[in-house]
Every structure is written in structure tokens, then in C-alpha cells.
Amino acid sequence: MPLRLQPKLLRVLQDGEVRPLGTNKVERVDVRVIAATNRDLAAHLREGHLREDLYYRLNVVQIHLPPLRARSEDVLPLAEHFWRSRPHGRANPCAAFPRAPRRSC
């Protein structure tokens, strides 16, 4: 996120205030943010690409999730989940996952 936008996000998170585009009126908001990144935020902080106050505001709870390529056992269950949640009337799931166990066919 560009440095010029970070104070605006910080204002929303700290003060719960936004000023809609084209108005001078400040509106109160109540938001919760879940942020995810594949970048090393501590390194961005050291390099001056991330404001320290924004870093500490966002870094309340950290969950490390390895990339999917490191969790190959999760690929098929995820693919099956997303396949089942597709709109009906699509092709047969067995054709899409030819090496899949036949329990879902």
C-alpha cells in the first residue's frame, strides 16, 4: 500500500472515521479488518515502506499459513469443496478431477 494512503487507513482503524469522496462531512464507521499478505511486513517496516503505527495496529494476531504448494494433502479437499459449491448444471466433477478418489462421483 502506498505510504500516502496508510494514514487514511490508520485514521479509519484508530478513530473510526471516514470522509466520503466529494464531501466535507466525516462519518463514523465501526469496522474490523482481516488483512493478509505474502510479504514480510517487518522488513517493509525496517525499509520505511510501512508506517510503524499502522504495522502495530494491523499486527494484533498473526496466523502463519504455509503456501498450498507445501500442503499438497489439502489440494484435493479444497478442490472438491469449491467444486461442490459451484452453480449446478456444470460438467461432471469426475471429469475435472480425473485422479480424484471416486467417492464424489
N, C-alpha and C. Protein backbone atom coordinates (compact mmCIF):
# COMPACT_ATOMS: atom_id res chain seq x y z
N MET A 1 0.86 -1.16 0.00
CA MET A 1 0.00 0.00 0.00
C MET A 1 0.91 1.23 0.00
N PRO A 2 0.64 2.18 -0.88
CA PRO A 2 1.47 3.39 -0.92
C PRO A 2 1.46 4.13 0.41
N LEU A 3 2.60 4.72 0.75
CA LEU A 3 2.73 5.45 2.01
C LEU A 3 1.68 6.55 2.15
N ARG A 4 1.29 7.18 1.06
CA ARG A 4 0.32 8.29 1.14
C ARG A 4 -1.08 7.82 1.53
N LEU A 5 -1.39 6.53 1.35
CA LEU A 5 -2.70 6.00 1.72
C LEU A 5 -2.73 5.45 3.15
N GLN A 6 -1.58 5.13 3.70
CA GLN A 6 -1.52 4.50 5.01
C GLN A 6 -2.11 5.35 6.13
N PRO A 7 -1.88 6.69 6.15
CA PRO A 7 -2.52 7.47 7.22
C PRO A 7 -4.05 7.45 7.14
N LYS A 8 -4.58 7.34 5.94
CA LYS A 8 -6.05 7.28 5.79
C LYS A 8 -6.61 6.00 6.38
N LEU A 9 -5.94 4.88 6.10
CA LEU A 9 -6.38 3.61 6.67
C LEU A 9 -6.22 3.63 8.18
N LEU A 10 -5.12 4.18 8.65
CA LEU A 10 -4.89 4.26 10.08
C LEU A 10 -5.97 5.09 10.77
N ARG A 11 -6.40 6.17 10.15
CA ARG A 11 -7.46 7.01 10.72
C ARG A 11 -8.75 6.22 10.87
N VAL A 12 -9.06 5.44 9.87
CA VAL A 12 -10.29 4.62 9.95
C VAL A 12 -10.17 3.61 11.08
N LEU A 13 -9.01 2.97 11.19
CA LEU A 13 -8.83 1.94 12.21
C LEU A 13 -8.79 2.52 13.62
N GLN A 14 -8.11 3.65 13.80
CA GLN A 14 -7.97 4.23 15.14
C GLN A 14 -9.19 5.03 15.57
N ASP A 15 -9.66 5.90 14.67
CA ASP A 15 -10.72 6.84 15.03
C ASP A 15 -12.10 6.41 14.59
N GLY A 16 -12.17 5.45 13.67
CA GLY A 16 -13.46 5.02 13.16
C GLY A 16 -14.15 6.11 12.37
N GLU A 17 -13.38 6.89 11.62
CA GLU A 17 -13.93 7.99 10.85
C GLU A 17 -13.48 7.92 9.40
N VAL A 18 -14.42 8.20 8.50
CA VAL A 18 -14.11 8.33 7.08
C VAL A 18 -14.77 9.59 6.55
N ARG A 19 -14.18 10.14 5.53
CA ARG A 19 -14.78 11.27 4.85
C ARG A 19 -15.04 10.84 3.41
N PRO A 20 -16.29 10.58 3.05
CA PRO A 20 -16.60 10.13 1.69
C PRO A 20 -16.12 11.13 0.64
N LEU A 21 -15.72 10.59 -0.49
CA LEU A 21 -15.23 11.39 -1.59
C LEU A 21 -16.27 12.42 -2.00
N GLY A 22 -15.84 13.66 -2.13
CA GLY A 22 -16.73 14.72 -2.58
C GLY A 22 -17.51 15.41 -1.48
N THR A 23 -17.24 15.07 -0.23
CA THR A 23 -17.94 15.71 0.88
C THR A 23 -16.93 16.23 1.89
N ASN A 24 -17.39 17.10 2.74
CA ASN A 24 -16.58 17.58 3.86
C ASN A 24 -17.05 16.97 5.17
N LYS A 25 -18.08 16.15 5.09
CA LYS A 25 -18.68 15.57 6.28
C LYS A 25 -17.95 14.28 6.68
N VAL A 26 -17.58 14.18 7.93
CA VAL A 26 -16.94 12.98 8.46
C VAL A 26 -18.02 12.04 8.97
N GLU A 27 -17.93 10.77 8.58
CA GLU A 27 -18.90 9.77 9.03
C GLU A 27 -18.21 8.76 9.92
N ARG A 28 -18.92 8.30 10.95
CA ARG A 28 -18.40 7.29 11.87
C ARG A 28 -18.65 5.90 11.27
N VAL A 29 -17.67 5.03 11.42
CA VAL A 29 -17.80 3.65 10.95
C VAL A 29 -17.26 2.73 12.04
N ASP A 30 -17.79 1.53 12.08
CA ASP A 30 -17.32 0.51 13.01
C ASP A 30 -16.90 -0.68 12.16
N VAL A 31 -15.61 -0.89 12.02
CA VAL A 31 -15.11 -1.94 11.14
C VAL A 31 -14.11 -2.83 11.85
N ARG A 32 -13.99 -4.04 11.36
CA ARG A 32 -12.95 -4.97 11.77
C ARG A 32 -12.22 -5.36 10.49
N VAL A 33 -10.93 -5.49 10.57
CA VAL A 33 -10.14 -5.76 9.37
C VAL A 33 -9.40 -7.08 9.54
N ILE A 34 -9.48 -7.91 8.52
CA ILE A 34 -8.65 -9.10 8.41
C ILE A 34 -7.75 -8.84 7.22
N ALA A 35 -6.46 -8.77 7.46
CA ALA A 35 -5.51 -8.46 6.40
C ALA A 35 -4.61 -9.66 6.16
N ALA A 36 -4.27 -9.89 4.91
CA ALA A 36 -3.38 -11.00 4.57
C ALA A 36 -2.35 -10.50 3.56
N THR A 37 -1.17 -11.05 3.66
CA THR A 37 -0.12 -10.69 2.71
C THR A 37 0.87 -11.82 2.60
N ASN A 38 1.59 -11.85 1.49
CA ASN A 38 2.67 -12.80 1.33
C ASN A 38 4.02 -12.10 1.48
N ARG A 39 4.00 -10.86 1.95
CA ARG A 39 5.22 -10.08 2.13
C ARG A 39 5.66 -10.06 3.59
N ASP A 40 6.91 -9.81 3.79
CA ASP A 40 7.47 -9.70 5.13
C ASP A 40 7.25 -8.27 5.63
N LEU A 41 6.22 -8.07 6.43
CA LEU A 41 5.87 -6.73 6.87
C LEU A 41 6.94 -6.12 7.77
N ALA A 42 7.61 -6.95 8.56
CA ALA A 42 8.68 -6.42 9.41
C ALA A 42 9.80 -5.84 8.55
N ALA A 43 10.11 -6.48 7.44
CA ALA A 43 11.13 -5.96 6.52
C ALA A 43 10.66 -4.66 5.89
N HIS A 44 9.40 -4.60 5.50
CA HIS A 44 8.85 -3.36 4.92
C HIS A 44 8.89 -2.23 5.95
N LEU A 45 8.67 -2.57 7.19
CA LEU A 45 8.75 -1.58 8.27
C LEU A 45 10.18 -1.05 8.40
N ARG A 46 11.15 -1.95 8.42
CA ARG A 46 12.56 -1.54 8.52
C ARG A 46 13.00 -0.70 7.33
N GLU A 47 12.46 -1.01 6.14
CA GLU A 47 12.85 -0.30 4.92
C GLU A 47 12.10 1.02 4.75
N GLY A 48 11.15 1.29 5.62
CA GLY A 48 10.41 2.54 5.53
C GLY A 48 9.25 2.53 4.56
N HIS A 49 8.82 1.35 4.14
CA HIS A 49 7.69 1.24 3.22
C HIS A 49 6.35 1.08 3.94
N LEU A 50 6.42 0.92 5.25
CA LEU A 50 5.21 0.71 6.05
C LEU A 50 5.34 1.53 7.34
N ARG A 51 4.28 2.25 7.65
CA ARG A 51 4.28 3.05 8.88
C ARG A 51 4.26 2.13 10.09
N GLU A 52 5.05 2.50 11.10
CA GLU A 52 5.14 1.68 12.31
C GLU A 52 3.81 1.61 13.04
N ASP A 53 3.08 2.73 13.13
CA ASP A 53 1.81 2.71 13.85
C ASP A 53 0.77 1.85 13.13
N LEU A 54 0.79 1.85 11.80
CA LEU A 54 -0.13 1.00 11.04
C LEU A 54 0.25 -0.47 11.21
N TYR A 55 1.54 -0.75 11.20
CA TYR A 55 2.01 -2.12 11.39
C TYR A 55 1.49 -2.69 12.72
N TYR A 56 1.65 -1.94 13.80
CA TYR A 56 1.22 -2.44 15.11
C TYR A 56 -0.30 -2.49 15.23
N ARG A 57 -1.00 -1.64 14.50
CA ARG A 57 -2.46 -1.66 14.51
C ARG A 57 -2.97 -2.91 13.78
N LEU A 58 -2.31 -3.30 12.71
CA LEU A 58 -2.75 -4.47 11.93
C LEU A 58 -2.23 -5.79 12.49
N ASN A 59 -1.08 -5.76 13.14
CA ASN A 59 -0.42 -6.98 13.57
C ASN A 59 -0.84 -7.38 14.99
N VAL A 60 -2.13 -7.52 15.20
CA VAL A 60 -2.65 -7.88 16.52
C VAL A 60 -2.57 -9.40 16.72
N VAL A 61 -3.04 -10.15 15.74
CA VAL A 61 -2.98 -11.60 15.78
C VAL A 61 -2.34 -12.06 14.48
N GLN A 62 -1.32 -12.86 14.60
CA GLN A 62 -0.62 -13.36 13.43
C GLN A 62 -0.89 -14.84 13.27
N ILE A 63 -1.30 -15.23 12.08
CA ILE A 63 -1.51 -16.64 11.77
C ILE A 63 -0.63 -16.97 10.58
N HIS A 64 0.29 -17.88 10.76
CA HIS A 64 1.15 -18.30 9.65
C HIS A 64 0.51 -19.49 8.97
N LEU A 65 0.24 -19.35 7.69
CA LEU A 65 -0.33 -20.43 6.90
C LEU A 65 0.63 -20.73 5.77
N PRO A 66 1.20 -21.92 5.75
CA PRO A 66 2.13 -22.27 4.68
C PRO A 66 1.43 -22.21 3.33
N PRO A 67 2.17 -21.96 2.26
CA PRO A 67 1.54 -21.93 0.94
C PRO A 67 0.96 -23.29 0.58
N LEU A 68 -0.02 -23.28 -0.28
CA LEU A 68 -0.69 -24.52 -0.68
C LEU A 68 0.28 -25.51 -1.31
N ARG A 69 1.31 -25.03 -1.99
CA ARG A 69 2.29 -25.94 -2.58
C ARG A 69 3.02 -26.76 -1.52
N ALA A 70 3.04 -26.27 -0.28
CA ALA A 70 3.67 -27.01 0.81
C ALA A 70 2.66 -27.89 1.55
N ARG A 71 1.41 -27.82 1.15
CA ARG A 71 0.34 -28.60 1.81
C ARG A 71 -0.40 -29.40 0.75
N SER A 72 0.29 -30.23 0.01
CA SER A 72 -0.33 -30.93 -1.13
C SER A 72 -1.53 -31.78 -0.71
N GLU A 73 -1.55 -32.24 0.55
CA GLU A 73 -2.69 -33.05 1.01
C GLU A 73 -3.98 -32.23 1.09
N ASP A 74 -3.88 -30.90 1.06
CA ASP A 74 -5.07 -30.05 1.13
C ASP A 74 -5.66 -29.72 -0.23
N VAL A 75 -4.93 -30.00 -1.30
CA VAL A 75 -5.37 -29.58 -2.63
C VAL A 75 -6.69 -30.25 -3.02
N LEU A 76 -6.76 -31.55 -2.92
CA LEU A 76 -7.97 -32.25 -3.35
C LEU A 76 -9.19 -31.88 -2.50
N PRO A 77 -9.10 -31.88 -1.16
CA PRO A 77 -10.29 -31.46 -0.38
C PRO A 77 -10.74 -30.04 -0.71
N LEU A 78 -9.81 -29.13 -0.93
CA LEU A 78 -10.20 -27.77 -1.32
C LEU A 78 -10.86 -27.75 -2.69
N ALA A 79 -10.28 -28.46 -3.63
CA ALA A 79 -10.87 -28.52 -4.97
C ALA A 79 -12.27 -29.11 -4.92
N GLU A 80 -12.45 -30.17 -4.15
CA GLU A 80 -13.78 -30.78 -4.03
C GLU A 80 -14.77 -29.81 -3.38
N HIS A 81 -14.33 -29.10 -2.36
CA HIS A 81 -15.21 -28.13 -1.71
C HIS A 81 -15.68 -27.07 -2.69
N PHE A 82 -14.75 -26.50 -3.44
CA PHE A 82 -15.13 -25.45 -4.38
C PHE A 82 -15.94 -26.00 -5.53
N TRP A 83 -15.68 -27.25 -5.88
CA TRP A 83 -16.48 -27.86 -6.95
C TRP A 83 -17.93 -28.04 -6.48
N ARG A 84 -18.11 -28.51 -5.25
CA ARG A 84 -19.48 -28.71 -4.74
C ARG A 84 -20.22 -27.40 -4.56
N SER A 85 -19.50 -26.32 -4.35
CA SER A 85 -20.17 -25.03 -4.14
C SER A 85 -20.40 -24.27 -5.44
N ARG A 86 -20.11 -24.89 -6.57
CA ARG A 86 -20.33 -24.24 -7.88
C ARG A 86 -21.82 -24.22 -8.20
N PRO A 87 -22.23 -23.37 -9.13
CA PRO A 87 -23.62 -23.42 -9.59
C PRO A 87 -23.89 -24.78 -10.25
N HIS A 88 -25.07 -25.33 -10.01
CA HIS A 88 -25.41 -26.64 -10.59
C HIS A 88 -25.55 -26.53 -12.09
N GLY A 89 -25.47 -27.67 -12.75
CA GLY A 89 -25.59 -27.69 -14.19
C GLY A 89 -24.24 -27.65 -14.90
N ARG A 90 -23.18 -27.70 -14.15
CA ARG A 90 -21.84 -27.71 -14.76
C ARG A 90 -21.44 -29.15 -15.07
N ALA A 91 -20.27 -29.31 -15.63
CA ALA A 91 -19.78 -30.64 -16.02
C ALA A 91 -19.60 -31.55 -14.81
N ASN A 92 -19.46 -32.81 -15.07
CA ASN A 92 -19.27 -33.83 -14.05
C ASN A 92 -17.96 -33.59 -13.31
N PRO A 93 -17.96 -33.57 -11.97
CA PRO A 93 -16.72 -33.33 -11.22
C PRO A 93 -15.65 -34.39 -11.47
N CYS A 94 -16.05 -35.60 -11.81
CA CYS A 94 -15.06 -36.65 -12.05
C CYS A 94 -14.22 -36.33 -13.28
N ALA A 95 -14.80 -35.64 -14.25
CA ALA A 95 -14.04 -35.25 -15.43
C ALA A 95 -13.04 -34.16 -15.09
N ALA A 96 -13.37 -33.31 -14.14
CA ALA A 96 -12.47 -32.21 -13.77
C ALA A 96 -11.31 -32.71 -12.91
N PHE A 97 -11.53 -33.76 -12.12
CA PHE A 97 -10.50 -34.29 -11.24
C PHE A 97 -10.29 -35.78 -11.55
N PRO A 98 -9.64 -36.09 -12.66
CA PRO A 98 -9.54 -37.49 -13.09
C PRO A 98 -8.79 -38.39 -12.11
N ARG A 99 -7.85 -37.86 -11.33
CA ARG A 99 -7.10 -38.68 -10.39
C ARG A 99 -7.72 -38.69 -9.00
N ALA A 100 -8.86 -38.05 -8.87
CA ALA A 100 -9.52 -37.95 -7.56
C ALA A 100 -10.13 -39.30 -7.18
N PRO A 101 -10.21 -39.56 -5.88
CA PRO A 101 -10.95 -40.76 -5.44
C PRO A 101 -12.39 -40.65 -5.92
N ARG A 102 -12.99 -41.75 -6.25
CA ARG A 102 -14.33 -41.74 -6.86
C ARG A 102 -15.46 -41.56 -5.84
N ARG A 103 -15.16 -41.19 -4.61
CA ARG A 103 -16.23 -41.03 -3.60
C ARG A 103 -17.18 -39.90 -3.94
N SER A 104 -16.76 -38.92 -4.74
CA SER A 104 -17.62 -37.78 -5.03
C SER A 104 -18.37 -37.92 -6.34
N CYS A 105 -18.16 -39.02 -7.07
CA CYS A 105 -18.82 -39.18 -8.38
C CYS A 105 -20.20 -39.75 -8.26
